[in-house]
Amino acid sequence: MALPKIGNKAPTFTLKDQQGDNQNLKDYLGSVVVLYFYPKAMTPGCTVQACGIRDSARALNKLDIKVLGVSIDAFPRLAKFAQRDKLNFTLLSDEDHKIADKYDVWGLKKFMGREYMGLKRTTFIIDKEGRLRHIIEKVKTKTHHDDVMSWIKDNLK
């Protein structure tokens, strides 16, 4: 498999959010969407990344940017994550990694010499018409929110 192609429609999906409600990507047409995949809720790097987005809510809202964070965690764990860190955006549960497979972000990872299958930290920026405009494969958790907003300001606004 390969990453979705820039300029094509973003692969659609329906996933459960942190409340257990279904969210469909099509429901976000008309807004810029930051769809970011992260390995595991409540881990240090994922928390830093999520809190950066949380703290940028005012700037994101001003630009009409909707953020969807996707992990393979079950929605009750996502609810805990959102509550613990006062997250103000939507978290989605892809437990069977079907959507991660569609976006080609499920694969072999290495950590401390160990290889395993997991979710690759990757961000997709989708325009108001639902087209994939940019992919960030080398995500820096500490600056992710700034990197995303800078790209959108420079390229979509």
N, C-alpha and C. Protein backbone atom coordinates (compact mmCIF):
# COMPACT_ATOMS: atom_id res chain seq x y z
N MET A 1 0.83 -1.19 0.00
CA MET A 1 0.00 0.00 0.00
C MET A 1 0.87 1.25 0.00
N ALA A 2 0.26 2.36 -0.33
CA ALA A 2 0.98 3.63 -0.35
C ALA A 2 0.10 4.71 0.28
N LEU A 3 0.73 5.77 0.73
CA LEU A 3 -0.03 6.89 1.27
C LEU A 3 -1.01 7.40 0.23
N PRO A 4 -2.16 7.92 0.66
CA PRO A 4 -3.10 8.51 -0.30
C PRO A 4 -2.39 9.63 -1.07
N LYS A 5 -2.83 9.84 -2.29
CA LYS A 5 -2.17 10.80 -3.18
C LYS A 5 -2.69 12.22 -2.94
N ILE A 6 -1.75 13.15 -2.84
CA ILE A 6 -2.08 14.57 -2.70
C ILE A 6 -2.95 14.98 -3.90
N GLY A 7 -4.03 15.71 -3.62
CA GLY A 7 -4.94 16.17 -4.66
C GLY A 7 -6.16 15.28 -4.83
N ASN A 8 -6.06 14.02 -4.40
CA ASN A 8 -7.21 13.12 -4.45
C ASN A 8 -8.13 13.37 -3.26
N LYS A 9 -9.36 12.89 -3.38
CA LYS A 9 -10.28 12.94 -2.24
C LYS A 9 -9.67 12.10 -1.11
N ALA A 10 -9.78 12.60 0.10
CA ALA A 10 -9.28 11.84 1.26
C ALA A 10 -10.17 10.62 1.45
N PRO A 11 -9.58 9.46 1.77
CA PRO A 11 -10.39 8.28 2.03
C PRO A 11 -11.40 8.56 3.16
N THR A 12 -12.66 8.25 2.89
CA THR A 12 -13.70 8.53 3.88
C THR A 12 -13.77 7.41 4.91
N PHE A 13 -14.43 7.72 6.00
CA PHE A 13 -14.56 6.74 7.08
C PHE A 13 -15.66 7.18 8.03
N THR A 14 -16.08 6.25 8.84
CA THR A 14 -16.93 6.51 10.00
C THR A 14 -16.27 5.80 11.17
N LEU A 15 -15.99 6.54 12.23
CA LEU A 15 -15.38 5.98 13.44
C LEU A 15 -16.10 6.52 14.67
N LYS A 16 -15.97 5.80 15.77
CA LYS A 16 -16.53 6.26 17.04
C LYS A 16 -15.60 7.29 17.68
N ASP A 17 -16.21 8.35 18.23
CA ASP A 17 -15.42 9.36 18.94
C ASP A 17 -15.32 9.00 20.42
N GLN A 18 -14.74 9.89 21.20
CA GLN A 18 -14.51 9.61 22.62
C GLN A 18 -15.80 9.43 23.41
N GLN A 19 -16.94 9.87 22.87
CA GLN A 19 -18.23 9.65 23.54
C GLN A 19 -18.93 8.39 23.03
N GLY A 20 -18.35 7.75 22.02
CA GLY A 20 -18.97 6.56 21.44
C GLY A 20 -19.93 6.90 20.30
N ASP A 21 -19.95 8.18 19.87
CA ASP A 21 -20.80 8.60 18.76
C ASP A 21 -20.04 8.44 17.44
N ASN A 22 -20.78 8.13 16.38
CA ASN A 22 -20.16 7.98 15.06
C ASN A 22 -19.81 9.35 14.48
N GLN A 23 -18.63 9.42 13.92
CA GLN A 23 -18.16 10.61 13.22
C GLN A 23 -17.76 10.18 11.81
N ASN A 24 -18.26 10.90 10.80
CA ASN A 24 -17.94 10.60 9.42
C ASN A 24 -17.14 11.76 8.85
N LEU A 25 -16.09 11.47 8.13
CA LEU A 25 -15.26 12.52 7.54
C LEU A 25 -16.09 13.45 6.66
N LYS A 26 -17.09 12.91 5.96
CA LYS A 26 -17.93 13.71 5.07
C LYS A 26 -18.65 14.83 5.83
N ASP A 27 -18.90 14.63 7.11
CA ASP A 27 -19.58 15.65 7.92
C ASP A 27 -18.74 16.91 8.09
N TYR A 28 -17.47 16.85 7.76
CA TYR A 28 -16.56 17.97 7.95
C TYR A 28 -16.29 18.75 6.66
N LEU A 29 -16.98 18.38 5.57
CA LEU A 29 -16.82 19.14 4.33
C LEU A 29 -17.19 20.59 4.60
N GLY A 30 -16.44 21.51 4.02
CA GLY A 30 -16.65 22.93 4.27
C GLY A 30 -15.68 23.50 5.28
N SER A 31 -14.94 22.63 5.97
CA SER A 31 -13.90 23.05 6.91
C SER A 31 -12.59 22.37 6.51
N VAL A 32 -11.49 23.02 6.86
CA VAL A 32 -10.19 22.37 6.72
C VAL A 32 -10.09 21.36 7.86
N VAL A 33 -9.64 20.16 7.55
CA VAL A 33 -9.52 19.10 8.56
C VAL A 33 -8.06 18.71 8.73
N VAL A 34 -7.64 18.67 9.98
CA VAL A 34 -6.34 18.12 10.34
C VAL A 34 -6.63 16.75 10.92
N LEU A 35 -6.29 15.72 10.15
CA LEU A 35 -6.50 14.33 10.56
C LEU A 35 -5.15 13.79 10.98
N TYR A 36 -5.00 13.58 12.28
CA TYR A 36 -3.68 13.11 12.71
C TYR A 36 -3.80 11.77 13.42
N PHE A 37 -2.89 10.88 13.06
CA PHE A 37 -2.81 9.55 13.64
C PHE A 37 -1.70 9.55 14.67
N TYR A 38 -2.01 9.02 15.85
CA TYR A 38 -1.02 8.97 16.93
C TYR A 38 -1.06 7.57 17.56
N PRO A 39 0.08 7.09 18.08
CA PRO A 39 0.18 5.70 18.53
C PRO A 39 -0.71 5.29 19.71
N LYS A 40 -0.75 6.08 20.79
CA LYS A 40 -1.47 5.60 21.97
C LYS A 40 -1.82 6.75 22.91
N ALA A 41 -3.09 6.79 23.27
CA ALA A 41 -3.57 7.83 24.19
C ALA A 41 -2.85 7.75 25.53
N MET A 42 -2.62 8.90 26.13
CA MET A 42 -2.06 9.05 27.47
C MET A 42 -0.61 8.64 27.60
N THR A 43 0.11 8.58 26.49
CA THR A 43 1.55 8.35 26.55
C THR A 43 2.23 9.72 26.43
N PRO A 44 3.48 9.84 26.86
CA PRO A 44 4.11 11.16 26.91
C PRO A 44 4.09 11.95 25.59
N GLY A 45 4.56 11.35 24.50
CA GLY A 45 4.61 12.07 23.23
C GLY A 45 3.23 12.43 22.71
N CYS A 46 2.30 11.51 22.84
CA CYS A 46 0.94 11.76 22.36
C CYS A 46 0.25 12.83 23.20
N THR A 47 0.57 12.88 24.47
CA THR A 47 0.00 13.91 25.35
C THR A 47 0.55 15.29 24.98
N VAL A 48 1.85 15.38 24.75
CA VAL A 48 2.46 16.66 24.34
C VAL A 48 1.81 17.15 23.05
N GLN A 49 1.66 16.25 22.09
CA GLN A 49 1.06 16.60 20.80
C GLN A 49 -0.39 17.07 20.98
N ALA A 50 -1.18 16.33 21.73
CA ALA A 50 -2.60 16.67 21.95
C ALA A 50 -2.74 17.99 22.72
N CYS A 51 -1.91 18.21 23.71
CA CYS A 51 -2.00 19.45 24.50
C CYS A 51 -1.60 20.67 23.67
N GLY A 52 -0.69 20.50 22.74
CA GLY A 52 -0.34 21.59 21.82
C GLY A 52 -1.54 21.99 20.98
N ILE A 53 -2.27 21.00 20.52
CA ILE A 53 -3.49 21.28 19.75
C ILE A 53 -4.54 21.93 20.65
N ARG A 54 -4.71 21.37 21.82
CA ARG A 54 -5.68 21.93 22.79
C ARG A 54 -5.39 23.41 23.03
N ASP A 55 -4.14 23.73 23.27
CA ASP A 55 -3.76 25.10 23.61
C ASP A 55 -3.83 26.05 22.41
N SER A 56 -3.97 25.50 21.21
CA SER A 56 -4.07 26.31 19.99
C SER A 56 -5.51 26.44 19.51
N ALA A 57 -6.46 26.05 20.31
CA ALA A 57 -7.87 26.00 19.89
C ALA A 57 -8.36 27.32 19.32
N ARG A 58 -8.05 28.42 19.96
CA ARG A 58 -8.54 29.72 19.50
C ARG A 58 -8.03 30.01 18.08
N ALA A 59 -6.75 29.81 17.85
CA ALA A 59 -6.17 30.06 16.52
C ALA A 59 -6.73 29.09 15.48
N LEU A 60 -6.90 27.83 15.86
CA LEU A 60 -7.46 26.84 14.94
C LEU A 60 -8.90 27.20 14.57
N ASN A 61 -9.69 27.59 15.56
CA ASN A 61 -11.08 27.96 15.31
C ASN A 61 -11.17 29.18 14.39
N LYS A 62 -10.28 30.13 14.59
CA LYS A 62 -10.25 31.34 13.77
C LYS A 62 -10.06 31.00 12.29
N LEU A 63 -9.28 29.95 12.03
CA LEU A 63 -9.01 29.51 10.66
C LEU A 63 -10.00 28.46 10.18
N ASP A 64 -11.05 28.18 10.99
CA ASP A 64 -12.06 27.15 10.69
C ASP A 64 -11.42 25.79 10.43
N ILE A 65 -10.50 25.42 11.31
CA ILE A 65 -9.81 24.13 11.21
C ILE A 65 -10.42 23.18 12.24
N LYS A 66 -10.81 22.00 11.77
CA LYS A 66 -11.33 20.95 12.65
C LYS A 66 -10.23 19.91 12.81
N VAL A 67 -9.99 19.50 14.04
CA VAL A 67 -8.94 18.51 14.31
C VAL A 67 -9.58 17.19 14.71
N LEU A 68 -9.11 16.12 14.08
CA LEU A 68 -9.54 14.76 14.39
C LEU A 68 -8.29 13.94 14.70
N GLY A 69 -8.17 13.48 15.93
CA GLY A 69 -7.04 12.64 16.32
C GLY A 69 -7.47 11.19 16.31
N VAL A 70 -6.71 10.33 15.66
CA VAL A 70 -7.07 8.92 15.50
C VAL A 70 -6.00 8.02 16.14
N SER A 71 -6.46 7.08 16.96
CA SER A 71 -5.57 6.05 17.50
C SER A 71 -6.32 4.72 17.51
N ILE A 72 -5.63 3.67 17.89
CA ILE A 72 -6.28 2.35 17.95
C ILE A 72 -6.87 2.07 19.33
N ASP A 73 -6.88 3.08 20.18
CA ASP A 73 -7.47 2.94 21.52
C ASP A 73 -8.98 2.83 21.43
N ALA A 74 -9.57 2.08 22.36
CA ALA A 74 -11.03 2.01 22.45
C ALA A 74 -11.57 3.35 22.92
N PHE A 75 -12.81 3.67 22.55
CA PHE A 75 -13.33 5.00 22.88
C PHE A 75 -13.38 5.31 24.38
N PRO A 76 -13.58 4.34 25.28
CA PRO A 76 -13.53 4.70 26.70
C PRO A 76 -12.16 5.24 27.14
N ARG A 77 -11.09 4.69 26.57
CA ARG A 77 -9.74 5.20 26.89
C ARG A 77 -9.58 6.61 26.32
N LEU A 78 -10.14 6.85 25.14
CA LEU A 78 -10.08 8.19 24.55
C LEU A 78 -10.85 9.19 25.41
N ALA A 79 -11.96 8.76 25.98
CA ALA A 79 -12.74 9.64 26.87
C ALA A 79 -11.91 10.02 28.09
N LYS A 80 -11.19 9.05 28.64
CA LYS A 80 -10.30 9.32 29.79
C LYS A 80 -9.21 10.31 29.42
N PHE A 81 -8.62 10.10 28.25
CA PHE A 81 -7.56 10.98 27.74
C PHE A 81 -8.09 12.40 27.59
N ALA A 82 -9.24 12.53 26.95
CA ALA A 82 -9.84 13.85 26.73
C ALA A 82 -10.16 14.54 28.05
N GLN A 83 -10.69 13.77 29.00
CA GLN A 83 -11.05 14.34 30.30
C GLN A 83 -9.80 14.70 31.10
N ARG A 84 -8.84 13.79 31.16
CA ARG A 84 -7.63 14.01 31.94
C ARG A 84 -6.88 15.26 31.49
N ASP A 85 -6.79 15.45 30.16
CA ASP A 85 -5.98 16.55 29.63
C ASP A 85 -6.83 17.70 29.10
N LYS A 86 -8.14 17.66 29.41
CA LYS A 86 -9.06 18.73 28.99
C LYS A 86 -8.94 19.03 27.49
N LEU A 87 -8.96 17.94 26.69
CA LEU A 87 -8.82 18.09 25.24
C LEU A 87 -10.12 18.63 24.65
N ASN A 88 -10.01 19.56 23.74
CA ASN A 88 -11.16 20.27 23.20
C ASN A 88 -11.35 20.01 21.70
N PHE A 89 -11.01 18.81 21.28
CA PHE A 89 -11.19 18.41 19.89
C PHE A 89 -11.56 16.93 19.87
N THR A 90 -11.91 16.43 18.70
CA THR A 90 -12.44 15.08 18.57
C THR A 90 -11.33 14.04 18.48
N LEU A 91 -11.47 12.99 19.28
CA LEU A 91 -10.59 11.82 19.22
C LEU A 91 -11.40 10.67 18.65
N LEU A 92 -10.79 9.89 17.77
CA LEU A 92 -11.49 8.79 17.10
C LEU A 92 -10.80 7.47 17.37
N SER A 93 -11.62 6.43 17.51
CA SER A 93 -11.14 5.08 17.81
C SER A 93 -11.13 4.22 16.54
N ASP A 94 -9.95 3.75 16.17
CA ASP A 94 -9.76 2.86 15.01
C ASP A 94 -9.16 1.55 15.51
N GLU A 95 -9.90 0.89 16.39
CA GLU A 95 -9.38 -0.31 17.07
C GLU A 95 -8.86 -1.39 16.14
N ASP A 96 -9.53 -1.59 15.02
CA ASP A 96 -9.11 -2.65 14.09
C ASP A 96 -8.15 -2.13 13.02
N HIS A 97 -7.73 -0.90 13.15
CA HIS A 97 -6.80 -0.17 12.28
C HIS A 97 -7.17 -0.22 10.80
N LYS A 98 -8.47 -0.35 10.50
CA LYS A 98 -8.92 -0.35 9.10
C LYS A 98 -8.69 1.01 8.43
N ILE A 99 -8.92 2.08 9.17
CA ILE A 99 -8.73 3.41 8.60
C ILE A 99 -7.22 3.70 8.50
N ALA A 100 -6.48 3.28 9.49
CA ALA A 100 -5.02 3.43 9.43
C ALA A 100 -4.47 2.69 8.21
N ASP A 101 -5.05 1.53 7.90
CA ASP A 101 -4.64 0.80 6.70
C ASP A 101 -4.99 1.60 5.44
N LYS A 102 -6.19 2.19 5.40
CA LYS A 102 -6.60 3.00 4.24
C LYS A 102 -5.63 4.16 4.01
N TYR A 103 -5.14 4.74 5.09
CA TYR A 103 -4.21 5.88 5.00
C TYR A 103 -2.75 5.42 5.00
N ASP A 104 -2.53 4.12 5.04
CA ASP A 104 -1.19 3.52 5.01
C ASP A 104 -0.30 4.01 6.16
N VAL A 105 -0.88 4.08 7.35
CA VAL A 105 -0.09 4.49 8.52
C VAL A 105 -0.01 3.37 9.57
N TRP A 106 -0.44 2.17 9.21
CA TRP A 106 -0.28 1.00 10.07
C TRP A 106 0.85 0.18 9.48
N GLY A 107 1.88 -0.08 10.28
CA GLY A 107 2.99 -0.85 9.74
C GLY A 107 4.04 -1.17 10.76
N LEU A 108 5.14 -1.66 10.25
CA LEU A 108 6.25 -2.09 11.10
C LEU A 108 6.95 -0.89 11.72
N LYS A 109 7.14 -0.95 13.03
CA LYS A 109 7.82 0.11 13.77
C LYS A 109 8.97 -0.51 14.54
N LYS A 110 9.92 0.32 14.93
CA LYS A 110 11.04 -0.12 15.75
C LYS A 110 11.15 0.78 16.96
N PHE A 111 11.37 0.16 18.11
CA PHE A 111 11.58 0.92 19.34
C PHE A 111 12.53 0.13 20.21
N MET A 112 13.64 0.74 20.56
CA MET A 112 14.66 0.12 21.40
C MET A 112 15.06 -1.27 20.89
N GLY A 113 15.25 -1.36 19.58
CA GLY A 113 15.70 -2.60 18.97
C GLY A 113 14.61 -3.63 18.73
N ARG A 114 13.39 -3.34 19.17
CA ARG A 114 12.29 -4.28 19.02
C ARG A 114 11.41 -3.84 17.83
N GLU A 115 11.00 -4.79 17.02
CA GLU A 115 10.10 -4.50 15.90
C GLU A 115 8.70 -4.97 16.24
N TYR A 116 7.71 -4.20 15.84
CA TYR A 116 6.31 -4.54 16.09
C TYR A 116 5.42 -3.76 15.13
N MET A 117 4.19 -4.20 14.99
CA MET A 117 3.23 -3.50 14.15
C MET A 117 2.56 -2.42 15.00
N GLY A 118 2.40 -1.25 14.41
CA GLY A 118 1.77 -0.16 15.15
C GLY A 118 1.39 1.00 14.25
N LEU A 119 0.82 2.00 14.88
CA LEU A 119 0.37 3.20 14.17
C LEU A 119 1.52 4.18 14.03
N LYS A 120 1.76 4.62 12.81
CA LYS A 120 2.83 5.58 12.53
C LYS A 120 2.28 6.99 12.71
N ARG A 121 2.95 7.80 13.48
CA ARG A 121 2.51 9.17 13.76
C ARG A 121 2.58 9.98 12.45
N THR A 122 1.41 10.30 11.90
CA THR A 122 1.32 10.96 10.61
C THR A 122 0.13 11.91 10.62
N THR A 123 0.26 13.04 9.93
CA THR A 123 -0.82 14.03 9.85
C THR A 123 -1.19 14.29 8.40
N PHE A 124 -2.50 14.36 8.16
CA PHE A 124 -3.04 14.66 6.84
C PHE A 124 -3.84 15.94 6.93
N ILE A 125 -3.60 16.86 6.01
CA ILE A 125 -4.38 18.10 5.95
C ILE A 125 -5.31 17.99 4.75
N ILE A 126 -6.60 18.15 5.04
CA ILE A 126 -7.66 17.96 4.04
C ILE A 126 -8.37 19.30 3.86
N ASP A 127 -8.54 19.71 2.61
CA ASP A 127 -9.16 21.01 2.36
C ASP A 127 -10.69 20.96 2.50
N LYS A 128 -11.32 22.11 2.30
CA LYS A 128 -12.77 22.24 2.51
C LYS A 128 -13.58 21.38 1.56
N GLU A 129 -13.01 20.99 0.42
CA GLU A 129 -13.70 20.13 -0.55
C GLU A 129 -13.44 18.65 -0.30
N GLY A 130 -12.66 18.33 0.74
CA GLY A 130 -12.38 16.94 1.07
C GLY A 130 -11.18 16.35 0.34
N ARG A 131 -10.36 17.22 -0.26
CA ARG A 131 -9.17 16.75 -0.96
C ARG A 131 -7.94 16.81 -0.06
N LEU A 132 -7.13 15.79 -0.19
CA LEU A 132 -5.89 15.72 0.58
C LEU A 132 -4.91 16.74 0.01
N ARG A 133 -4.44 17.64 0.87
CA ARG A 133 -3.56 18.72 0.41
C ARG A 133 -2.12 18.58 0.89
N HIS A 134 -1.91 17.92 2.04
CA HIS A 134 -0.55 17.85 2.58
C HIS A 134 -0.46 16.67 3.55
N ILE A 135 0.72 16.06 3.60
CA ILE A 135 0.99 14.95 4.53
C ILE A 135 2.26 15.30 5.30
N ILE A 136 2.19 15.16 6.61
CA ILE A 136 3.38 15.33 7.46
C ILE A 136 3.72 13.95 8.01
N GLU A 137 4.83 13.40 7.53
CA GLU A 137 5.24 12.07 7.98
C GLU A 137 6.20 12.12 9.15
N LYS A 138 7.01 13.14 9.20
CA LYS A 138 7.98 13.29 10.29
C LYS A 138 7.42 14.30 11.28
N VAL A 139 6.45 13.88 12.07
CA VAL A 139 5.77 14.76 13.01
C VAL A 139 6.65 15.00 14.23
N LYS A 140 6.77 16.26 14.60
CA LYS A 140 7.46 16.64 15.84
C LYS A 140 6.36 16.95 16.85
N THR A 141 6.26 16.15 17.88
CA THR A 141 5.14 16.29 18.82
C THR A 141 5.08 17.67 19.47
N LYS A 142 6.24 18.26 19.77
CA LYS A 142 6.25 19.55 20.48
C LYS A 142 5.80 20.71 19.60
N THR A 143 6.00 20.62 18.29
CA THR A 143 5.68 21.74 17.40
C THR A 143 4.58 21.41 16.40
N HIS A 144 3.96 20.26 16.54
CA HIS A 144 2.95 19.79 15.57
C HIS A 144 1.89 20.85 15.30
N HIS A 145 1.32 21.42 16.34
CA HIS A 145 0.25 22.42 16.18
C HIS A 145 0.73 23.62 15.38
N ASP A 146 1.92 24.11 15.66
CA ASP A 146 2.48 25.26 14.93
C ASP A 146 2.79 24.89 13.48
N ASP A 147 3.34 23.70 13.28
CA ASP A 147 3.68 23.24 11.93
C ASP A 147 2.43 23.16 11.06
N VAL A 148 1.35 22.62 11.62
CA VAL A 148 0.09 22.48 10.90
C VAL A 148 -0.48 23.86 10.56
N MET A 149 -0.56 24.74 11.54
CA MET A 149 -1.14 26.07 11.30
C MET A 149 -0.31 26.87 10.30
N SER A 150 0.99 26.78 10.39
CA SER A 150 1.85 27.49 9.44
C SER A 150 1.60 27.01 8.01
N TRP A 151 1.52 25.70 7.84
CA TRP A 151 1.30 25.16 6.49
C TRP A 151 -0.06 25.63 5.96
N ILE A 152 -1.08 25.55 6.79
CA ILE A 152 -2.42 25.95 6.35
C ILE A 152 -2.46 27.44 6.00
N LYS A 153 -1.88 28.28 6.86
CA LYS A 153 -1.86 29.73 6.59
C LYS A 153 -1.13 30.02 5.27
N ASP A 154 -0.02 29.31 5.01
CA ASP A 154 0.77 29.57 3.83
C ASP A 154 0.16 28.99 2.55
N ASN A 155 -0.67 27.96 2.68
CA ASN A 155 -1.12 27.24 1.50
C ASN A 155 -2.63 27.19 1.26
N LEU A 156 -3.43 27.38 2.29
CA LEU A 156 -4.88 27.25 2.11
C LEU A 156 -5.67 28.52 2.41
N LYS A 157 -5.05 29.51 2.97
CA LYS A 157 -5.80 30.73 3.37
C LYS A 157 -5.40 31.89 2.50
